[in-house]
Amino acid sequence: MARAAFHGAAKRFGEVEAVRDLTLEVADGELMVLVGPSGSGKTTALRMLAGLEAVDAGRVEIGDRVVNAVSPRDRDVAMVFQDYALYPQMTVYDNMAFGLRRRGLARAEVDRRVTENCNTLGLADLMQRRPRQLSGGQQQRVALGRALVREPQVLLMDEPLSNLDAQLRVQARAEIKRLQSEVGTTTVYVTHDQVEAMTLGDRIAVLNAGTLEQVGTPEELYDRPANVFVGGFIGSPAMSFLPREDGTLIGVRPEHVRLWADGLVGPIEGRVAYVEALGRETLIGVDTDAGGRLVAAVEGRARLQPGEPLQLGLVADGLRQFDAASGAVR
C-alpha cells in the first residue's frame, strides 16, 4: 500500500481548466472520496492519478515516486469503472484471473488470490457463472474483486455504484467500506452523491469547477463547512442560508431549525412552501419574510399545508456565519 498525492496539479481541455492547482494527500490505507457536481473535476483528477490523463502542471505522486511520466500499467494502481467492464464470455473466476495471467503470475498464485478474494466478497459459489447470470450487485463485487486481486498500491473507483438501484447501493456502500477497512488498500473513490461520500469516506475532498473547496472528515464538513458551497452541497437536506443586513449570511442545518419556542433565536416569520412526511420525521420548507428558505426537520408528522403562516426559531449553537460576497465562513 502507499500514499497518493497531488501537488499543484492542473489539467486543461482547450480553454476549460478542468482541475486547477490541486494539492491533496491521501494517506496510506485511507479511503478518500472526491465529491462534487458534474464538471467539478473529480473524475479528471482520478484519471490523472491513474495516468489516463496527462498532467499539465504540478505533479502527481504514488508512494515516494513522481508518476507524471509513468505509464498507467506501471503505476501499480487498479481501477473500478462505472460500467464494471466485465468480459461477458468469461466466468467470474476467469474475469478475476485474466489480468494476473497476463502479468505472468504462476498458476498457484493466481488461484490463491482469486479464491481468497472470492471468499472475502461472497462469490465463492459463483465462480463458474458468467456475468449475465449475476445480479447487478454481484457484478459490482466481481469488478471490485478483479481490482483487488492485483494487490495494487492504490485502488481507484469511479462512480462504481451508479448503475445499482437504491437498496443495492446502500448494501454495496456498506460492503465496500467493510472490505476497504479489512484489506487496508489506499482508495480514492469518486462520486457525485454526497450521501455516498458521507457514509464511505474516511475523509472527503469537495471539488467545484476544478477547485478544491474543502477537505476533511465527514463530521468536519457537515459541522464546519468552509464556505457556502460546501454547506449547500454536503448534507441532505443541505444547509439553509438567511441573508442579513450587515452583508453576512446565516447558515443552519435542518435539525437546528425548530417550530418557534422560548430559548430559540427568532421568531422568524414565513409561509410553508412544502411538507415532506418521511415517517419518523417531517421536513418543512418555509419561505421566510426576510428572504431565503429555511428547512426544518421536526419529529413525527406535522399537519401543515403549503401557504400556511409559520413561526420558526433557530438553535444558537447550530448557526454558522458566512460572508455574503465571498461565501467564505467568518
C-alpha atoms as a PDB file:
ATOM      1  CA  MET A   1       0.000   0.000   0.000  1.00  0.00           C
ATOM      2  CA  ALA A   2       1.106   3.592  -0.482  1.00  0.00           C
ATOM      3  CA  ARG A   3       0.112   7.200  -0.106  1.00  0.00           C
ATOM      4  CA  ALA A   4      -1.057   9.186  -3.123  1.00  0.00           C
ATOM      5  CA  ALA A   5      -0.749  12.937  -3.597  1.00  0.00           C
ATOM      6  CA  PHE A   6      -1.392  15.870  -5.899  1.00  0.00           C
ATOM      7  CA  HIS A   7       0.882  18.912  -5.661  1.00  0.00           C
ATOM      8  CA  GLY A   8      -0.388  21.932  -7.575  1.00  0.00           C
ATOM      9  CA  ALA A   9      -1.752  19.581 -10.236  1.00  0.00           C
ATOM     10  CA  ALA A  10      -3.661  21.093 -13.147  1.00  0.00           C
ATOM     11  CA  LYS A  11      -5.394  19.879 -16.298  1.00  0.00           C
ATOM     12  CA  ARG A  12      -6.834  21.868 -19.186  1.00  0.00           C
ATOM     13  CA  PHE A  13      -9.042  20.841 -22.095  1.00  0.00           C
ATOM     14  CA  GLY A  14      -8.686  23.706 -24.544  1.00  0.00           C
ATOM     15  CA  GLU A  15      -9.983  26.813 -22.783  1.00  0.00           C
ATOM     16  CA  VAL A  16     -11.523  24.797 -19.944  1.00  0.00           C
ATOM     17  CA  GLU A  17      -9.455  24.405 -16.788  1.00  0.00           C
ATOM     18  CA  ALA A  18     -10.853  21.089 -15.539  1.00  0.00           C
ATOM     19  CA  VAL A  19      -8.541  20.885 -12.494  1.00  0.00           C
ATOM     20  CA  ARG A  20      -6.627  23.875 -11.123  1.00  0.00           C
ATOM     21  CA  ASP A  21      -3.808  23.900  -8.602  1.00  0.00           C
ATOM     22  CA  LEU A  22      -4.977  20.732  -6.818  1.00  0.00           C
ATOM     23  CA  THR A  23      -2.984  19.944  -3.688  1.00  0.00           C
ATOM     24  CA  LEU A  24      -4.273  16.925  -1.799  1.00  0.00           C
ATOM     25  CA  GLU A  25      -2.658  13.999   0.029  1.00  0.00           C
ATOM     26  CA  VAL A  26      -4.281  10.602   0.528  1.00  0.00           C
ATOM     27  CA  ALA A  27      -2.718   8.749   3.444  1.00  0.00           C
ATOM     28  CA  ASP A  28      -1.557   5.146   3.245  1.00  0.00           C
ATOM     29  CA  GLY A  29      -4.608   2.946   3.832  1.00  0.00           C
ATOM     30  CA  GLU A  30      -7.092   5.835   3.703  1.00  0.00           C
ATOM     31  CA  LEU A  31     -10.395   5.868   1.818  1.00  0.00           C
ATOM     32  CA  MET A  32     -10.603   9.337   0.274  1.00  0.00           C
ATOM     33  CA  VAL A  33     -13.779  10.369  -1.523  1.00  0.00           C
ATOM     34  CA  LEU A  34     -13.710  13.028  -4.242  1.00  0.00           C
ATOM     35  CA  VAL A  35     -17.188  14.536  -4.460  1.00  0.00           C
ATOM     36  CA  GLY A  36     -18.730  17.374  -6.406  1.00  0.00           C
ATOM     37  CA  PRO A  37     -21.306  18.200  -9.068  1.00  0.00           C
ATOM     38  CA  SER A  38     -20.908  17.447 -12.755  1.00  0.00           C
ATOM     39  CA  GLY A  39     -17.933  19.359 -14.147  1.00  0.00           C
ATOM     40  CA  SER A  40     -16.220  19.730 -10.784  1.00  0.00           C
ATOM     41  CA  GLY A  41     -13.034  17.942 -11.933  1.00  0.00           C
ATOM     42  CA  LYS A  42     -13.309  14.899  -9.669  1.00  0.00           C
ATOM     43  CA  THR A  43     -13.134  12.269 -12.427  1.00  0.00           C
ATOM     44  CA  THR A  44     -10.374  14.178 -14.228  1.00  0.00           C
ATOM     45  CA  ALA A  45      -8.337  14.194 -11.008  1.00  0.00           C
ATOM     46  CA  LEU A  46      -8.850  10.439 -10.654  1.00  0.00           C
ATOM     47  CA  ARG A  47      -7.773   9.862 -14.250  1.00  0.00           C
ATOM     48  CA  MET A  48      -4.658  11.988 -13.666  1.00  0.00           C
ATOM     49  CA  LEU A  49      -3.775   9.708 -10.765  1.00  0.00           C
ATOM     50  CA  ALA A  50      -4.392   6.634 -12.919  1.00  0.00           C
ATOM     51  CA  GLY A  51      -2.280   8.015 -15.772  1.00  0.00           C
ATOM     52  CA  LEU A  52      -5.242   8.176 -18.155  1.00  0.00           C
ATOM     53  CA  GLU A  53      -4.955  11.969 -18.381  1.00  0.00           C
ATOM     54  CA  ALA A  54      -1.662  13.844 -18.674  1.00  0.00           C
ATOM     55  CA  VAL A  55      -0.779  16.418 -16.008  1.00  0.00           C
ATOM     56  CA  ASP A  56      -0.367  19.908 -17.491  1.00  0.00           C
ATOM     57  CA  ALA A  57       1.201  21.451 -14.368  1.00  0.00           C
ATOM     58  CA  GLY A  58       2.298  20.332 -10.918  1.00  0.00           C
ATOM     59  CA  ARG A  59       2.943  16.716 -10.042  1.00  0.00           C
ATOM     60  CA  VAL A  60       1.219  13.501  -9.024  1.00  0.00           C
ATOM     61  CA  GLU A  61       2.852  11.063  -6.613  1.00  0.00           C
ATOM     62  CA  ILE A  62       2.230   7.442  -5.644  1.00  0.00           C
ATOM     63  CA  GLY A  63       4.312   6.412  -2.686  1.00  0.00           C
ATOM     64  CA  ASP A  64       7.586   8.323  -2.899  1.00  0.00           C
ATOM     65  CA  ARG A  65       7.588   8.358  -6.708  1.00  0.00           C
ATOM     66  CA  VAL A  66       6.518  11.180  -9.031  1.00  0.00           C
ATOM     67  CA  VAL A  67       4.444   9.419 -11.694  1.00  0.00           C
ATOM     68  CA  ASN A  68       3.706  12.235 -14.169  1.00  0.00           C
ATOM     69  CA  ALA A  69       5.665  10.446 -16.895  1.00  0.00           C
ATOM     70  CA  VAL A  70       4.920   6.866 -15.763  1.00  0.00           C
ATOM     71  CA  SER A  71       2.569   4.809 -17.946  1.00  0.00           C
ATOM     72  CA  PRO A  72      -0.725   3.614 -16.413  1.00  0.00           C
ATOM     73  CA  ARG A  73       0.358  -0.034 -16.403  1.00  0.00           C
ATOM     74  CA  ASP A  74       3.499   0.797 -14.409  1.00  0.00           C
ATOM     75  CA  ARG A  75       1.815   2.864 -11.681  1.00  0.00           C
ATOM     76  CA  ASP A  76       0.626  -0.185  -9.709  1.00  0.00           C
ATOM     77  CA  VAL A  77      -2.957   1.065  -9.446  1.00  0.00           C
ATOM     78  CA  ALA A  78      -6.229  -0.711 -10.177  1.00  0.00           C
ATOM     79  CA  MET A  79      -9.462   0.926 -11.296  1.00  0.00           C
ATOM     80  CA  VAL A  80     -13.131   0.008 -10.916  1.00  0.00           C
ATOM     81  CA  PHE A  81     -15.288   1.693 -13.542  1.00  0.00           C
ATOM     82  CA  GLN A  82     -18.934   2.696 -13.574  1.00  0.00           C
ATOM     83  CA  ASP A  83     -19.911   0.030 -16.128  1.00  0.00           C
ATOM     84  CA  TYR A  84     -17.816  -2.764 -14.486  1.00  0.00           C
ATOM     85  CA  ALA A  85     -16.368  -3.747 -17.933  1.00  0.00           C
ATOM     86  CA  LEU A  86     -16.591  -7.495 -17.273  1.00  0.00           C
ATOM     87  CA  TYR A  87     -15.818  -9.929 -20.086  1.00  0.00           C
ATOM     88  CA  PRO A  88     -19.227 -11.499 -20.896  1.00  0.00           C
ATOM     89  CA  GLN A  89     -17.767 -14.744 -22.269  1.00  0.00           C
ATOM     90  CA  MET A  90     -15.664 -15.416 -19.145  1.00  0.00           C
ATOM     91  CA  THR A  91     -16.648 -16.893 -15.810  1.00  0.00           C
ATOM     92  CA  VAL A  92     -16.297 -14.962 -12.561  1.00  0.00           C
ATOM     93  CA  TYR A  93     -13.067 -16.847 -11.868  1.00  0.00           C
ATOM     94  CA  ASP A  94     -11.603 -16.072 -15.292  1.00  0.00           C
ATOM     95  CA  ASN A  95     -12.637 -12.416 -15.163  1.00  0.00           C
ATOM     96  CA  MET A  96     -10.737 -12.042 -11.918  1.00  0.00           C
ATOM     97  CA  ALA A  97      -7.770 -14.139 -13.083  1.00  0.00           C
ATOM     98  CA  PHE A  98      -7.348 -12.558 -16.521  1.00  0.00           C
ATOM     99  CA  GLY A  99      -5.107  -9.666 -15.545  1.00  0.00           C
ATOM    100  CA  LEU A 100      -2.942 -11.824 -13.297  1.00  0.00           C
ATOM    101  CA  ARG A 101      -2.375 -14.346 -16.083  1.00  0.00           C
ATOM    102  CA  ARG A 102      -1.354 -11.587 -18.478  1.00  0.00           C
ATOM    103  CA  ARG A 103       1.222 -10.448 -15.951  1.00  0.00           C
ATOM    104  CA  GLY A 104       2.694 -13.964 -15.967  1.00  0.00           C
ATOM    105  CA  LEU A 105       1.920 -14.958 -12.364  1.00  0.00           C
ATOM    106  CA  ALA A 106       2.233 -18.638 -11.531  1.00  0.00           C
ATOM    107  CA  ARG A 107      -0.986 -20.667 -11.710  1.00  0.00           C
ATOM    108  CA  ALA A 108      -0.907 -21.438  -7.975  1.00  0.00           C
ATOM    109  CA  GLU A 109      -0.551 -17.733  -7.102  1.00  0.00           C
ATOM    110  CA  VAL A 110      -3.402 -16.794  -9.440  1.00  0.00           C
ATOM    111  CA  ASP A 111      -5.630 -19.419  -7.868  1.00  0.00           C
ATOM    112  CA  ARG A 112      -4.736 -18.287  -4.353  1.00  0.00           C
ATOM    113  CA  ARG A 113      -5.527 -14.645  -4.996  1.00  0.00           C
ATOM    114  CA  VAL A 114      -8.773 -15.315  -6.875  1.00  0.00           C
ATOM    115  CA  THR A 115     -10.046 -17.849  -4.366  1.00  0.00           C
ATOM    116  CA  GLU A 116      -9.228 -15.675  -1.350  1.00  0.00           C
ATOM    117  CA  ASN A 117     -10.948 -12.649  -2.854  1.00  0.00           C
ATOM    118  CA  CYS A 118     -13.985 -14.667  -3.922  1.00  0.00           C
ATOM    119  CA  ASN A 119     -14.313 -15.914  -0.351  1.00  0.00           C
ATOM    120  CA  THR A 120     -13.978 -12.389   1.034  1.00  0.00           C
ATOM    121  CA  LEU A 121     -16.511 -10.974  -1.421  1.00  0.00           C
ATOM    122  CA  GLY A 122     -19.076 -13.745  -1.019  1.00  0.00           C
ATOM    123  CA  LEU A 123     -18.503 -15.035  -4.554  1.00  0.00           C
ATOM    124  CA  ALA A 124     -17.178 -18.498  -3.723  1.00  0.00           C
ATOM    125  CA  ASP A 125     -20.333 -20.226  -5.021  1.00  0.00           C
ATOM    126  CA  LEU A 126     -20.484 -18.080  -8.168  1.00  0.00           C
ATOM    127  CA  MET A 127     -17.001 -18.556  -9.584  1.00  0.00           C
ATOM    128  CA  GLN A 128     -18.198 -20.601 -12.594  1.00  0.00           C
ATOM    129  CA  ARG A 129     -21.028 -18.257 -13.538  1.00  0.00           C
ATOM    130  CA  ARG A 130     -20.843 -15.692 -16.313  1.00  0.00           C
ATOM    131  CA  PRO A 131     -21.796 -12.014 -15.872  1.00  0.00           C
ATOM    132  CA  ARG A 132     -25.236 -12.444 -17.465  1.00  0.00           C
ATOM    133  CA  GLN A 133     -26.063 -14.931 -14.704  1.00  0.00           C
ATOM    134  CA  LEU A 134     -25.282 -12.411 -11.949  1.00  0.00           C
ATOM    135  CA  SER A 135     -27.270  -9.628 -10.332  1.00  0.00           C
ATOM    136  CA  GLY A 136     -26.050  -6.045 -10.546  1.00  0.00           C
ATOM    137  CA  GLY A 137     -24.678  -6.225  -7.019  1.00  0.00           C
ATOM    138  CA  GLN A 138     -22.815  -9.447  -7.771  1.00  0.00           C
ATOM    139  CA  GLN A 139     -21.297  -7.962 -10.930  1.00  0.00           C
ATOM    140  CA  GLN A 140     -20.148  -4.974  -8.893  1.00  0.00           C
ATOM    141  CA  ARG A 141     -18.396  -7.322  -6.452  1.00  0.00           C
ATOM    142  CA  VAL A 142     -16.680  -9.142  -9.320  1.00  0.00           C
ATOM    143  CA  ALA A 143     -15.382  -5.828 -10.678  1.00  0.00           C
ATOM    144  CA  LEU A 144     -14.109  -4.928  -7.218  1.00  0.00           C
ATOM    145  CA  GLY A 145     -12.524  -8.346  -6.810  1.00  0.00           C
ATOM    146  CA  ARG A 146     -10.793  -8.107 -10.192  1.00  0.00           C
ATOM    147  CA  ALA A 147      -9.135  -4.921  -8.948  1.00  0.00           C
ATOM    148  CA  LEU A 148      -8.255  -6.280  -5.508  1.00  0.00           C
ATOM    149  CA  VAL A 149      -6.575  -9.467  -6.801  1.00  0.00           C
ATOM    150  CA  ARG A 150      -3.888  -7.283  -8.339  1.00  0.00           C
ATOM    151  CA  GLU A 151      -2.948  -6.167  -4.809  1.00  0.00           C
ATOM    152  CA  PRO A 152      -2.397  -2.608  -6.062  1.00  0.00           C
ATOM    153  CA  GLN A 153      -0.764   0.186  -4.145  1.00  0.00           C
ATOM    154  CA  VAL A 154      -3.804   2.381  -4.833  1.00  0.00           C
ATOM    155  CA  LEU A 155      -7.382   1.400  -5.730  1.00  0.00           C
ATOM    156  CA  LEU A 156      -9.340   3.909  -7.831  1.00  0.00           C
ATOM    157  CA  MET A 157     -13.137   3.777  -8.055  1.00  0.00           C
ATOM    158  CA  ASP A 158     -15.129   5.937 -10.482  1.00  0.00           C
ATOM    159  CA  GLU A 159     -18.864   6.099  -9.636  1.00  0.00           C
ATOM    160  CA  PRO A 160     -18.978   2.286  -9.182  1.00  0.00           C
ATOM    161  CA  LEU A 161     -22.482   2.178  -7.679  1.00  0.00           C
ATOM    162  CA  SER A 162     -24.382   4.458 -10.047  1.00  0.00           C
ATOM    163  CA  ASN A 163     -25.897   1.543 -12.006  1.00  0.00           C
ATOM    164  CA  LEU A 164     -27.419  -0.068  -8.904  1.00  0.00           C
ATOM    165  CA  ASP A 165     -30.886   0.599  -7.538  1.00  0.00           C
ATOM    166  CA  ALA A 166     -31.270   2.465  -4.239  1.00  0.00           C
ATOM    167  CA  GLN A 167     -31.441  -0.584  -1.965  1.00  0.00           C
ATOM    168  CA  LEU A 168     -28.447  -2.267  -3.596  1.00  0.00           C
ATOM    169  CA  ARG A 169     -26.431   0.947  -3.366  1.00  0.00           C
ATOM    170  CA  VAL A 170     -26.918   1.019   0.396  1.00  0.00           C
ATOM    171  CA  GLN A 171     -25.785  -2.596   0.692  1.00  0.00           C
ATOM    172  CA  ALA A 172     -22.843  -2.095  -1.653  1.00  0.00           C
ATOM    173  CA  ARG A 173     -21.660   1.017   0.222  1.00  0.00           C
ATOM    174  CA  ALA A 174     -21.520  -0.937   3.456  1.00  0.00           C
ATOM    175  CA  GLU A 175     -19.699  -3.777   1.724  1.00  0.00           C
ATOM    176  CA  ILE A 176     -17.076  -1.512   0.148  1.00  0.00           C
ATOM    177  CA  LYS A 177     -16.494   0.256   3.462  1.00  0.00           C
ATOM    178  CA  ARG A 178     -16.030  -3.065   5.266  1.00  0.00           C
ATOM    179  CA  LEU A 179     -13.723  -4.528   2.635  1.00  0.00           C
ATOM    180  CA  GLN A 180     -11.562  -1.432   2.395  1.00  0.00           C
ATOM    181  CA  SER A 181     -11.185  -1.391   6.154  1.00  0.00           C
ATOM    182  CA  GLU A 182     -10.229  -5.072   6.227  1.00  0.00           C
ATOM    183  CA  VAL A 183      -7.844  -5.026   3.258  1.00  0.00           C
ATOM    184  CA  GLY A 184      -6.400  -1.593   4.006  1.00  0.00           C
ATOM    185  CA  THR A 185      -5.787  -0.636   0.378  1.00  0.00           C
ATOM    186  CA  THR A 186      -5.333   3.092  -0.187  1.00  0.00           C
ATOM    187  CA  THR A 187      -8.513   4.032  -2.061  1.00  0.00           C
ATOM    188  CA  VAL A 188      -9.661   7.091  -3.986  1.00  0.00           C
ATOM    189  CA  TYR A 189     -13.394   6.993  -4.688  1.00  0.00           C
ATOM    190  CA  VAL A 190     -15.261   9.397  -6.988  1.00  0.00           C
ATOM    191  CA  THR A 191     -18.971  10.154  -6.649  1.00  0.00           C
ATOM    192  CA  HIS A 192     -21.431  12.978  -7.237  1.00  0.00           C
ATOM    193  CA  ASP A 193     -23.634  11.639  -4.413  1.00  0.00           C
ATOM    194  CA  GLN A 194     -22.889  13.462  -1.163  1.00  0.00           C
ATOM    195  CA  VAL A 195     -24.739  10.818   0.893  1.00  0.00           C
ATOM    196  CA  GLU A 196     -22.431   8.189  -0.581  1.00  0.00           C
ATOM    197  CA  ALA A 197     -19.452  10.395   0.216  1.00  0.00           C
ATOM    198  CA  MET A 198     -20.543  10.941   3.818  1.00  0.00           C
ATOM    199  CA  THR A 199     -21.108   7.253   4.520  1.00  0.00           C
ATOM    200  CA  LEU A 200     -17.959   5.940   2.807  1.00  0.00           C
ATOM    201  CA  GLY A 201     -15.103   8.363   3.255  1.00  0.00           C
ATOM    202  CA  ASP A 202     -12.510   8.489   5.987  1.00  0.00           C
ATOM    203  CA  ARG A 203     -12.083  11.981   4.550  1.00  0.00           C
ATOM    204  CA  ILE A 204     -13.874  13.837   1.781  1.00  0.00           C
ATOM    205  CA  ALA A 205     -12.488  16.293  -0.750  1.00  0.00           C
ATOM    206  CA  VAL A 206     -15.179  18.614  -2.124  1.00  0.00           C
ATOM    207  CA  LEU A 207     -14.459  19.945  -5.622  1.00  0.00           C
ATOM    208  CA  ASN A 208     -16.261  22.670  -7.534  1.00  0.00           C
ATOM    209  CA  ALA A 209     -15.431  23.891 -11.043  1.00  0.00           C
ATOM    210  CA  GLY A 210     -11.949  22.373 -10.829  1.00  0.00           C
ATOM    211  CA  THR A 211     -11.123  23.845  -7.423  1.00  0.00           C
ATOM    212  CA  LEU A 212     -10.724  22.020  -4.116  1.00  0.00           C
ATOM    213  CA  GLU A 213     -13.146  23.782  -1.777  1.00  0.00           C
ATOM    214  CA  GLN A 214     -12.504  21.800   1.420  1.00  0.00           C
ATOM    215  CA  VAL A 215     -11.099  18.512   2.637  1.00  0.00           C
ATOM    216  CA  GLY A 216     -11.882  16.901   5.980  1.00  0.00           C
ATOM    217  CA  THR A 217     -13.762  14.158   7.767  1.00  0.00           C
ATOM    218  CA  PRO A 218     -17.497  13.835   7.103  1.00  0.00           C
ATOM    219  CA  GLU A 219     -18.162  15.359  10.525  1.00  0.00           C
ATOM    220  CA  GLU A 220     -15.885  18.347   9.849  1.00  0.00           C
ATOM    221  CA  LEU A 221     -17.538  19.115   6.526  1.00  0.00           C
ATOM    222  CA  TYR A 222     -21.023  18.799   7.975  1.00  0.00           C
ATOM    223  CA  ASP A 223     -20.435  20.751  11.179  1.00  0.00           C
ATOM    224  CA  ARG A 224     -17.883  23.302   9.954  1.00  0.00           C
ATOM    225  CA  PRO A 225     -18.209  23.931   6.205  1.00  0.00           C
ATOM    226  CA  ALA A 226     -15.530  26.278   4.896  1.00  0.00           C
ATOM    227  CA  ASN A 227     -17.921  28.179   2.633  1.00  0.00           C
ATOM    228  CA  VAL A 228     -21.454  28.445   1.314  1.00  0.00           C
ATOM    229  CA  PHE A 229     -20.792  25.951  -1.488  1.00  0.00           C
ATOM    230  CA  VAL A 230     -19.719  23.171   0.887  1.00  0.00           C
ATOM    231  CA  GLY A 231     -22.564  23.921   3.300  1.00  0.00           C
ATOM    232  CA  GLY A 232     -25.070  23.852   0.465  1.00  0.00           C
ATOM    233  CA  PHE A 233     -23.672  20.683  -1.106  1.00  0.00           C
ATOM    234  CA  ILE A 234     -22.966  18.487   1.918  1.00  0.00           C
ATOM    235  CA  GLY A 235     -25.990  17.304   3.872  1.00  0.00           C
ATOM    236  CA  SER A 236     -29.416  16.010   2.896  1.00  0.00           C
ATOM    237  CA  PRO A 237     -31.256  18.331   3.056  1.00  0.00           C
ATOM    238  CA  ALA A 238     -28.468  20.854   2.621  1.00  0.00           C
ATOM    239  CA  MET A 239     -27.721  23.798   4.864  1.00  0.00           C
ATOM    240  CA  SER A 240     -30.177  26.718   4.612  1.00  0.00           C
ATOM    241  CA  PHE A 241     -28.994  30.317   4.328  1.00  0.00           C
ATOM    242  CA  LEU A 242     -30.621  33.536   5.504  1.00  0.00           C
ATOM    243  CA  PRO A 243     -29.376  36.990   4.394  1.00  0.00           C
ATOM    244  CA  ARG A 244     -28.621  39.674   6.974  1.00  0.00           C
ATOM    245  CA  GLU A 245     -28.491  43.435   6.622  1.00  0.00           C
ATOM    246  CA  ASP A 246     -24.809  43.561   7.642  1.00  0.00           C
ATOM    247  CA  GLY A 247     -23.730  41.707   4.496  1.00  0.00           C
ATOM    248  CA  THR A 248     -23.448  38.248   6.028  1.00  0.00           C
ATOM    249  CA  LEU A 249     -25.366  35.014   5.674  1.00  0.00           C
ATOM    250  CA  ILE A 250     -26.526  32.776   8.468  1.00  0.00           C
ATOM    251  CA  GLY A 251     -26.223  29.089   7.664  1.00  0.00           C
ATOM    252  CA  VAL A 252     -28.210  26.491   9.597  1.00  0.00           C
ATOM    253  CA  ARG A 253     -28.838  22.760   9.294  1.00  0.00           C
ATOM    254  CA  PRO A 254     -32.441  21.416   9.314  1.00  0.00           C
ATOM    255  CA  GLU A 255     -32.006  19.818  12.756  1.00  0.00           C
ATOM    256  CA  HIS A 256     -31.282  23.271  14.194  1.00  0.00           C
ATOM    257  CA  VAL A 257     -34.465  24.799  12.767  1.00  0.00           C
ATOM    258  CA  ARG A 258     -37.454  24.343  15.077  1.00  0.00           C
ATOM    259  CA  LEU A 259     -41.050  25.417  15.423  1.00  0.00           C
ATOM    260  CA  TRP A 260     -40.913  28.608  17.465  1.00  0.00           C
ATOM    261  CA  ALA A 261     -40.467  28.239  21.231  1.00  0.00           C
ATOM    262  CA  ASP A 262     -38.766  30.176  24.002  1.00  0.00           C
ATOM    263  CA  GLY A 263     -34.994  29.791  24.125  1.00  0.00           C
ATOM    264  CA  LEU A 264     -34.530  29.828  20.350  1.00  0.00           C
ATOM    265  CA  VAL A 265     -33.194  32.601  18.130  1.00  0.00           C
ATOM    266  CA  GLY A 266     -36.163  34.308  16.500  1.00  0.00           C
ATOM    267  CA  PRO A 267     -39.022  34.210  15.861  1.00  0.00           C
ATOM    268  CA  ILE A 268     -38.672  34.068  12.094  1.00  0.00           C
ATOM    269  CA  GLU A 269     -41.882  34.625  10.163  1.00  0.00           C
ATOM    270  CA  GLY A 270     -42.666  32.809   6.960  1.00  0.00           C
ATOM    271  CA  ARG A 271     -45.022  30.636   4.971  1.00  0.00           C
ATOM    272  CA  VAL A 272     -44.902  26.896   4.320  1.00  0.00           C
ATOM    273  CA  ALA A 273     -43.531  26.108   0.857  1.00  0.00           C
ATOM    274  CA  TYR A 274     -43.673  22.314   1.095  1.00  0.00           C
ATOM    275  CA  VAL A 275     -44.096  19.445   3.547  1.00  0.00           C
ATOM    276  CA  GLU A 276     -42.326  16.086   3.164  1.00  0.00           C
ATOM    277  CA  ALA A 277     -43.521  13.374   5.533  1.00  0.00           C
ATOM    278  CA  LEU A 278     -40.716  10.802   5.921  1.00  0.00           C
ATOM    279  CA  GLY A 279     -42.226   8.677   8.680  1.00  0.00           C
ATOM    280  CA  ARG A 280     -40.210   9.309  11.812  1.00  0.00           C
ATOM    281  CA  GLU A 281     -39.684  12.957  10.834  1.00  0.00           C
ATOM    282  CA  THR A 282     -41.158  15.642   8.601  1.00  0.00           C
ATOM    283  CA  LEU A 283     -39.237  18.157   6.532  1.00  0.00           C
ATOM    284  CA  ILE A 284     -40.874  21.566   6.288  1.00  0.00           C
ATOM    285  CA  GLY A 285     -39.650  24.108   3.765  1.00  0.00           C
ATOM    286  CA  VAL A 286     -40.513  27.664   4.770  1.00  0.00           C
ATOM    287  CA  ASP A 287     -40.085  30.805   2.661  1.00  0.00           C
ATOM    288  CA  THR A 288     -39.214  33.484   5.186  1.00  0.00           C
ATOM    289  CA  ASP A 289     -40.448  37.057   5.100  1.00  0.00           C
ATOM    290  CA  ALA A 290     -36.839  38.253   5.310  1.00  0.00           C
ATOM    291  CA  GLY A 291     -35.886  36.332   2.153  1.00  0.00           C
ATOM    292  CA  GLY A 292     -34.404  32.850   1.846  1.00  0.00           C
ATOM    293  CA  ARG A 293     -35.864  29.444   2.548  1.00  0.00           C
ATOM    294  CA  LEU A 294     -35.408  27.500   5.766  1.00  0.00           C
ATOM    295  CA  VAL A 295     -35.839  23.747   6.025  1.00  0.00           C
ATOM    296  CA  ALA A 296     -36.913  22.415   9.407  1.00  0.00           C
ATOM    297  CA  ALA A 297     -36.704  18.757  10.446  1.00  0.00           C
ATOM    298  CA  VAL A 298     -39.343  18.008  13.095  1.00  0.00           C
ATOM    299  CA  GLU A 299     -40.079  14.689  14.754  1.00  0.00           C
ATOM    300  CA  GLY A 300     -43.173  12.758  13.742  1.00  0.00           C
ATOM    301  CA  ARG A 301     -45.797  14.256  11.481  1.00  0.00           C
ATOM    302  CA  ALA A 302     -46.708  17.897  11.027  1.00  0.00           C
ATOM    303  CA  ARG A 303     -50.185  18.741   9.793  1.00  0.00           C
ATOM    304  CA  LEU A 304     -49.320  21.805   7.749  1.00  0.00           C
ATOM    305  CA  GLN A 305     -50.364  22.986   4.301  1.00  0.00           C
ATOM    306  CA  PRO A 306     -48.436  24.994   1.692  1.00  0.00           C
ATOM    307  CA  GLY A 307     -49.115  28.691   2.113  1.00  0.00           C
ATOM    308  CA  GLU A 308     -49.835  28.402   5.831  1.00  0.00           C
ATOM    309  CA  PRO A 309     -48.084  31.044   8.004  1.00  0.00           C
ATOM    310  CA  LEU A 310     -45.487  29.663  10.421  1.00  0.00           C
ATOM    311  CA  GLN A 311     -43.033  30.889  13.027  1.00  0.00           C
ATOM    312  CA  LEU A 312     -39.628  29.238  13.300  1.00  0.00           C
ATOM    313  CA  GLY A 313     -36.736  29.504  15.733  1.00  0.00           C
ATOM    314  CA  LEU A 314     -33.058  28.602  15.426  1.00  0.00           C
ATOM    315  CA  VAL A 315     -30.784  26.756  17.844  1.00  0.00           C
ATOM    316  CA  ALA A 316     -27.999  29.244  18.593  1.00  0.00           C
ATOM    317  CA  ASP A 317     -25.207  26.621  18.774  1.00  0.00           C
ATOM    318  CA  GLY A 318     -26.065  25.398  15.281  1.00  0.00           C
ATOM    319  CA  LEU A 319     -25.644  28.734  13.477  1.00  0.00           C
ATOM    320  CA  ARG A 320     -22.737  29.439  11.115  1.00  0.00           C
ATOM    321  CA  GLN A 321     -21.905  32.868   9.694  1.00  0.00           C
ATOM    322  CA  PHE A 322     -20.669  33.388   6.109  1.00  0.00           C
ATOM    323  CA  ASP A 323     -19.591  36.389   4.096  1.00  0.00           C
ATOM    324  CA  ALA A 324     -22.317  37.143   1.544  1.00  0.00           C
ATOM    325  CA  ALA A 325     -19.874  38.361  -1.128  1.00  0.00           C
ATOM    326  CA  SER A 326     -17.168  35.663  -0.995  1.00  0.00           C
ATOM    327  CA  GLY A 327     -19.197  32.843   0.558  1.00  0.00           C
ATOM    328  CA  ALA A 328     -16.363  32.101   2.993  1.00  0.00           C
ATOM    329  CA  VAL A 329     -17.063  31.243   6.618  1.00  0.00           C
ATOM    330  CA  ARG A 330     -16.489  34.058   9.125  1.00  0.00           C
END
